[in-house]
Amino acid sequence: MIVKALASTQASVVVAGHTHMQFDRRVVGQRMVNAGSVGMPYADRPGAYWALVGPEVDLRRSVYDFQAAAEAVGRTGFLEREDLASGIVRPPSAEEAITVFERSVGQAYPA
C-alpha cells in the first residue's frame, strides 16, 4: 500500500495521516511518515502523537492531563463523547485498531 501511495510522487519524504497510527517507513528509496493523532491515537500509551518535520523527522508524544480532557469531552453534546473520552484515557492499541479495520474490509462505510 505504501509503495502504491509513494509511486505518484518524486518527494523523498511524504507525510500522511488519517490512520491515527504514528509511523516512519522507508520504502524503495522514499520515506512515508504518519504524524499520528493528537486527539484519537491508536497507540500503546495515551498522549498527543505528532511529528516535527524539518531536515529530519522526529516522531513525538506529548503528555497532558488525560482525565481532565476526557471529562471535558464528556460534558459536550458530541454523540460519541463516551467512546472518545474513553479513548483519551486508554487509547486502543494499533493492533486492536487493525483488527477492527480488517474485519470491516469490504463493508460499506457508515453514513
N, C-alpha and C. Protein backbone atom coordinates (compact mmCIF):
# COMPACT_ATOMS: atom_id res chain seq x y z
N MET A 1 0.82 -1.19 0.00
CA MET A 1 0.00 0.00 0.00
C MET A 1 0.87 1.26 0.00
N ILE A 2 1.93 1.26 0.80
CA ILE A 2 2.81 2.43 0.86
C ILE A 2 3.52 2.62 -0.47
N VAL A 3 3.96 1.54 -1.09
CA VAL A 3 4.64 1.65 -2.40
C VAL A 3 3.71 2.31 -3.40
N LYS A 4 2.45 1.91 -3.41
CA LYS A 4 1.47 2.49 -4.34
C LYS A 4 1.27 3.98 -4.06
N ALA A 5 1.18 4.35 -2.79
CA ALA A 5 0.99 5.76 -2.43
C ALA A 5 2.20 6.60 -2.83
N LEU A 6 3.39 6.06 -2.67
CA LEU A 6 4.59 6.81 -2.98
C LEU A 6 4.88 6.88 -4.48
N ALA A 7 4.29 5.99 -5.26
CA ALA A 7 4.56 5.93 -6.70
C ALA A 7 4.14 7.19 -7.44
N SER A 8 3.20 7.93 -6.87
CA SER A 8 2.69 9.12 -7.56
C SER A 8 3.49 10.39 -7.27
N THR A 9 4.59 10.28 -6.54
CA THR A 9 5.38 11.47 -6.20
C THR A 9 6.87 11.18 -6.29
N GLN A 10 7.62 12.22 -6.52
CA GLN A 10 9.08 12.12 -6.51
C GLN A 10 9.66 12.62 -5.19
N ALA A 11 8.80 13.06 -4.27
CA ALA A 11 9.26 13.58 -2.98
C ALA A 11 10.00 12.50 -2.20
N SER A 12 11.03 12.90 -1.50
CA SER A 12 11.78 11.92 -0.71
C SER A 12 11.09 11.61 0.61
N VAL A 13 10.27 12.56 1.11
CA VAL A 13 9.51 12.35 2.35
C VAL A 13 8.07 12.77 2.10
N VAL A 14 7.14 11.89 2.44
CA VAL A 14 5.72 12.17 2.34
C VAL A 14 5.12 12.02 3.73
N VAL A 15 4.39 13.05 4.18
CA VAL A 15 3.71 12.98 5.47
C VAL A 15 2.24 12.73 5.20
N ALA A 16 1.74 11.66 5.78
CA ALA A 16 0.35 11.25 5.58
C ALA A 16 -0.40 11.28 6.90
N GLY A 17 -1.66 11.01 6.83
CA GLY A 17 -2.47 10.99 8.04
C GLY A 17 -3.63 10.02 7.89
N HIS A 18 -4.65 10.23 8.65
CA HIS A 18 -5.92 9.53 8.63
C HIS A 18 -5.93 8.21 9.39
N THR A 19 -4.81 7.53 9.53
CA THR A 19 -4.83 6.23 10.20
C THR A 19 -4.72 6.35 11.72
N HIS A 20 -4.33 7.50 12.22
CA HIS A 20 -4.18 7.75 13.66
C HIS A 20 -3.06 6.92 14.28
N MET A 21 -2.25 6.29 13.44
CA MET A 21 -1.13 5.47 13.91
C MET A 21 0.18 6.10 13.45
N GLN A 22 0.98 6.48 14.41
CA GLN A 22 2.26 7.11 14.10
C GLN A 22 3.23 6.07 13.54
N PHE A 23 3.89 6.43 12.43
CA PHE A 23 4.91 5.53 11.89
C PHE A 23 5.88 6.30 11.01
N ASP A 24 6.99 5.67 10.75
CA ASP A 24 8.05 6.20 9.87
C ASP A 24 8.58 5.01 9.09
N ARG A 25 8.28 4.95 7.79
CA ARG A 25 8.66 3.82 6.94
C ARG A 25 9.50 4.30 5.76
N ARG A 26 10.52 3.54 5.43
CA ARG A 26 11.34 3.78 4.24
C ARG A 26 11.06 2.63 3.27
N VAL A 27 10.66 3.02 2.05
CA VAL A 27 10.30 2.03 1.05
C VAL A 27 10.83 2.50 -0.30
N VAL A 28 11.60 1.67 -0.96
CA VAL A 28 12.09 1.91 -2.30
C VAL A 28 12.67 3.33 -2.45
N GLY A 29 13.55 3.69 -1.55
CA GLY A 29 14.24 4.97 -1.64
C GLY A 29 13.42 6.19 -1.24
N GLN A 30 12.22 5.98 -0.77
CA GLN A 30 11.37 7.08 -0.30
C GLN A 30 10.98 6.82 1.15
N ARG A 31 10.39 7.84 1.75
CA ARG A 31 10.03 7.75 3.16
C ARG A 31 8.60 8.24 3.34
N MET A 32 7.80 7.46 4.06
CA MET A 32 6.44 7.89 4.40
C MET A 32 6.35 7.95 5.92
N VAL A 33 5.81 9.08 6.39
CA VAL A 33 5.67 9.33 7.81
C VAL A 33 4.20 9.61 8.10
N ASN A 34 3.69 9.04 9.17
CA ASN A 34 2.37 9.41 9.66
C ASN A 34 2.60 10.06 11.01
N ALA A 35 2.17 11.32 11.12
CA ALA A 35 2.43 12.10 12.33
C ALA A 35 1.72 11.52 13.55
N GLY A 36 0.66 10.78 13.35
CA GLY A 36 -0.08 10.20 14.47
C GLY A 36 -1.40 10.92 14.65
N SER A 37 -1.82 11.10 15.89
CA SER A 37 -3.08 11.77 16.20
C SER A 37 -2.96 12.45 17.55
N VAL A 38 -3.41 13.67 17.60
CA VAL A 38 -3.39 14.39 18.87
C VAL A 38 -4.57 13.99 19.73
N GLY A 39 -5.75 13.78 19.15
CA GLY A 39 -6.94 13.53 19.94
C GLY A 39 -7.45 12.11 19.96
N MET A 40 -7.11 11.30 18.96
CA MET A 40 -7.62 9.93 18.88
C MET A 40 -6.53 8.97 18.40
N PRO A 41 -5.45 8.83 19.15
CA PRO A 41 -4.38 7.96 18.68
C PRO A 41 -4.73 6.48 18.84
N TYR A 42 -4.14 5.67 17.99
CA TYR A 42 -4.11 4.23 18.19
C TYR A 42 -2.69 3.94 18.61
N ALA A 43 -2.49 3.75 19.91
CA ALA A 43 -1.14 3.66 20.45
C ALA A 43 -1.18 2.90 21.77
N ASP A 44 -0.01 2.47 22.21
CA ASP A 44 0.09 1.71 23.46
C ASP A 44 -0.08 2.57 24.70
N ARG A 45 0.16 3.87 24.56
CA ARG A 45 0.03 4.79 25.70
C ARG A 45 -0.78 6.00 25.29
N PRO A 46 -1.54 6.58 26.22
CA PRO A 46 -2.26 7.80 25.87
C PRO A 46 -1.29 8.94 25.60
N GLY A 47 -1.74 9.92 24.84
CA GLY A 47 -0.91 11.08 24.57
C GLY A 47 -1.29 11.74 23.26
N ALA A 48 -0.67 12.86 23.01
CA ALA A 48 -0.83 13.57 21.75
C ALA A 48 0.36 13.18 20.88
N TYR A 49 0.12 12.46 19.81
CA TYR A 49 1.18 11.98 18.92
C TYR A 49 1.29 12.91 17.73
N TRP A 50 2.51 13.37 17.44
CA TRP A 50 2.73 14.34 16.38
C TRP A 50 4.15 14.20 15.88
N ALA A 51 4.48 14.93 14.83
CA ALA A 51 5.83 14.85 14.24
C ALA A 51 6.39 16.24 14.03
N LEU A 52 7.65 16.38 14.31
CA LEU A 52 8.39 17.59 13.99
C LEU A 52 9.15 17.28 12.71
N VAL A 53 8.81 17.98 11.63
CA VAL A 53 9.38 17.70 10.32
C VAL A 53 10.22 18.88 9.88
N GLY A 54 11.45 18.60 9.56
CA GLY A 54 12.40 19.60 9.06
C GLY A 54 13.38 18.84 8.21
N PRO A 55 14.65 19.13 8.34
CA PRO A 55 15.62 18.30 7.62
C PRO A 55 15.54 16.83 8.08
N GLU A 56 15.16 16.62 9.32
CA GLU A 56 14.94 15.27 9.86
C GLU A 56 13.48 15.14 10.26
N VAL A 57 13.07 13.94 10.58
CA VAL A 57 11.72 13.69 11.10
C VAL A 57 11.86 13.18 12.52
N ASP A 58 11.17 13.82 13.44
CA ASP A 58 11.22 13.44 14.85
C ASP A 58 9.80 13.14 15.30
N LEU A 59 9.46 11.84 15.48
CA LEU A 59 8.14 11.47 15.96
C LEU A 59 8.08 11.76 17.45
N ARG A 60 7.02 12.42 17.88
CA ARG A 60 6.92 12.86 19.27
C ARG A 60 5.59 12.47 19.90
N ARG A 61 5.61 12.46 21.23
CA ARG A 61 4.41 12.21 22.03
C ARG A 61 4.42 13.20 23.17
N SER A 62 3.32 13.91 23.34
CA SER A 62 3.19 14.86 24.45
C SER A 62 2.19 14.32 25.46
N VAL A 63 2.51 14.51 26.72
CA VAL A 63 1.64 14.09 27.81
C VAL A 63 0.85 15.30 28.29
N TYR A 64 -0.40 15.09 28.62
CA TYR A 64 -1.25 16.15 29.16
C TYR A 64 -2.18 15.51 30.18
N ASP A 65 -3.06 16.26 30.78
CA ASP A 65 -3.98 15.73 31.79
C ASP A 65 -5.11 14.98 31.07
N PHE A 66 -4.90 13.68 30.88
CA PHE A 66 -5.84 12.85 30.12
C PHE A 66 -7.21 12.81 30.78
N GLN A 67 -7.24 12.69 32.09
CA GLN A 67 -8.51 12.60 32.80
C GLN A 67 -9.32 13.89 32.65
N ALA A 68 -8.66 15.03 32.78
CA ALA A 68 -9.36 16.32 32.62
C ALA A 68 -9.89 16.47 31.20
N ALA A 69 -9.11 16.05 30.22
CA ALA A 69 -9.55 16.12 28.82
C ALA A 69 -10.76 15.22 28.60
N ALA A 70 -10.73 14.00 29.13
CA ALA A 70 -11.85 13.07 28.98
C ALA A 70 -13.10 13.63 29.65
N GLU A 71 -12.95 14.24 30.81
CA GLU A 71 -14.10 14.84 31.49
C GLU A 71 -14.68 16.00 30.69
N ALA A 72 -13.82 16.80 30.08
CA ALA A 72 -14.29 17.92 29.25
C ALA A 72 -15.05 17.40 28.04
N VAL A 73 -14.55 16.35 27.41
CA VAL A 73 -15.26 15.74 26.27
C VAL A 73 -16.61 15.21 26.73
N GLY A 74 -16.65 14.60 27.90
CA GLY A 74 -17.89 14.04 28.45
C GLY A 74 -18.97 15.08 28.68
N ARG A 75 -18.58 16.32 28.85
CA ARG A 75 -19.55 17.41 29.08
C ARG A 75 -20.06 18.03 27.77
N THR A 76 -19.57 17.57 26.63
CA THR A 76 -20.01 18.14 25.35
C THR A 76 -21.29 17.46 24.88
N GLY A 77 -21.83 17.96 23.80
CA GLY A 77 -23.01 17.36 23.18
C GLY A 77 -22.67 16.38 22.09
N PHE A 78 -21.38 16.08 21.91
CA PHE A 78 -20.93 15.16 20.86
C PHE A 78 -21.56 13.79 21.09
N LEU A 79 -22.19 13.23 20.06
CA LEU A 79 -22.91 11.97 20.21
C LEU A 79 -22.04 10.81 20.68
N GLU A 80 -20.81 10.74 20.23
CA GLU A 80 -19.93 9.63 20.60
C GLU A 80 -18.94 10.03 21.69
N ARG A 81 -19.37 10.95 22.56
CA ARG A 81 -18.47 11.50 23.58
C ARG A 81 -17.93 10.44 24.55
N GLU A 82 -18.72 9.44 24.88
CA GLU A 82 -18.25 8.42 25.83
C GLU A 82 -17.09 7.62 25.24
N ASP A 83 -17.23 7.22 23.98
CA ASP A 83 -16.15 6.47 23.32
C ASP A 83 -14.90 7.34 23.16
N LEU A 84 -15.10 8.60 22.75
CA LEU A 84 -13.97 9.50 22.59
C LEU A 84 -13.27 9.73 23.91
N ALA A 85 -14.03 9.99 24.97
CA ALA A 85 -13.44 10.23 26.30
C ALA A 85 -12.68 9.00 26.78
N SER A 86 -13.25 7.83 26.57
CA SER A 86 -12.58 6.59 26.98
C SER A 86 -11.26 6.41 26.22
N GLY A 87 -11.26 6.74 24.93
CA GLY A 87 -10.06 6.60 24.11
C GLY A 87 -8.96 7.58 24.47
N ILE A 88 -9.31 8.69 25.09
CA ILE A 88 -8.29 9.64 25.53
C ILE A 88 -7.50 9.05 26.69
N VAL A 89 -8.20 8.43 27.62
CA VAL A 89 -7.56 7.87 28.81
C VAL A 89 -6.88 6.54 28.50
N ARG A 90 -7.53 5.73 27.68
CA ARG A 90 -6.97 4.42 27.30
C ARG A 90 -7.22 4.21 25.82
N PRO A 91 -6.28 4.71 24.99
CA PRO A 91 -6.50 4.58 23.54
C PRO A 91 -6.41 3.12 23.10
N PRO A 92 -7.15 2.77 22.04
CA PRO A 92 -6.97 1.43 21.50
C PRO A 92 -5.56 1.30 20.92
N SER A 93 -4.96 0.16 21.11
CA SER A 93 -3.62 -0.06 20.55
C SER A 93 -3.72 -0.15 19.02
N ALA A 94 -2.60 0.00 18.36
CA ALA A 94 -2.57 -0.15 16.91
C ALA A 94 -3.08 -1.54 16.52
N GLU A 95 -2.70 -2.55 17.28
CA GLU A 95 -3.12 -3.93 16.98
C GLU A 95 -4.64 -4.07 17.10
N GLU A 96 -5.22 -3.46 18.13
CA GLU A 96 -6.68 -3.51 18.29
C GLU A 96 -7.37 -2.80 17.14
N ALA A 97 -6.87 -1.65 16.75
CA ALA A 97 -7.47 -0.89 15.65
C ALA A 97 -7.36 -1.66 14.34
N ILE A 98 -6.21 -2.26 14.08
CA ILE A 98 -6.03 -3.03 12.85
C ILE A 98 -7.01 -4.18 12.79
N THR A 99 -7.23 -4.86 13.89
CA THR A 99 -8.19 -5.97 13.93
C THR A 99 -9.58 -5.49 13.55
N VAL A 100 -10.01 -4.37 14.10
CA VAL A 100 -11.33 -3.81 13.77
C VAL A 100 -11.39 -3.44 12.30
N PHE A 101 -10.35 -2.76 11.79
CA PHE A 101 -10.35 -2.33 10.39
C PHE A 101 -10.36 -3.53 9.45
N GLU A 102 -9.59 -4.57 9.76
CA GLU A 102 -9.54 -5.74 8.88
C GLU A 102 -10.89 -6.45 8.82
N ARG A 103 -11.61 -6.46 9.93
CA ARG A 103 -12.94 -7.08 9.94
C ARG A 103 -13.93 -6.31 9.08
N SER A 104 -13.70 -5.00 8.90
CA SER A 104 -14.64 -4.18 8.15
C SER A 104 -14.29 -4.03 6.67
N VAL A 105 -13.22 -4.67 6.22
CA VAL A 105 -12.83 -4.56 4.81
C VAL A 105 -13.97 -5.05 3.94
N GLY A 106 -14.33 -4.24 2.95
CA GLY A 106 -15.38 -4.62 2.02
C GLY A 106 -16.77 -4.22 2.47
N GLN A 107 -16.90 -3.78 3.71
CA GLN A 107 -18.21 -3.34 4.19
C GLN A 107 -18.41 -1.87 3.86
N ALA A 108 -19.64 -1.48 3.71
CA ALA A 108 -19.94 -0.07 3.44
C ALA A 108 -19.57 0.76 4.65
N TYR A 109 -19.02 1.93 4.40
CA TYR A 109 -18.65 2.84 5.49
C TYR A 109 -19.94 3.46 6.02
N PRO A 110 -20.11 3.48 7.34
CA PRO A 110 -21.36 4.03 7.90
C PRO A 110 -21.52 5.51 7.52
N ALA A 111 -22.72 5.87 7.18
CA ALA A 111 -23.00 7.26 6.79
C ALA A 111 -23.16 8.15 7.99
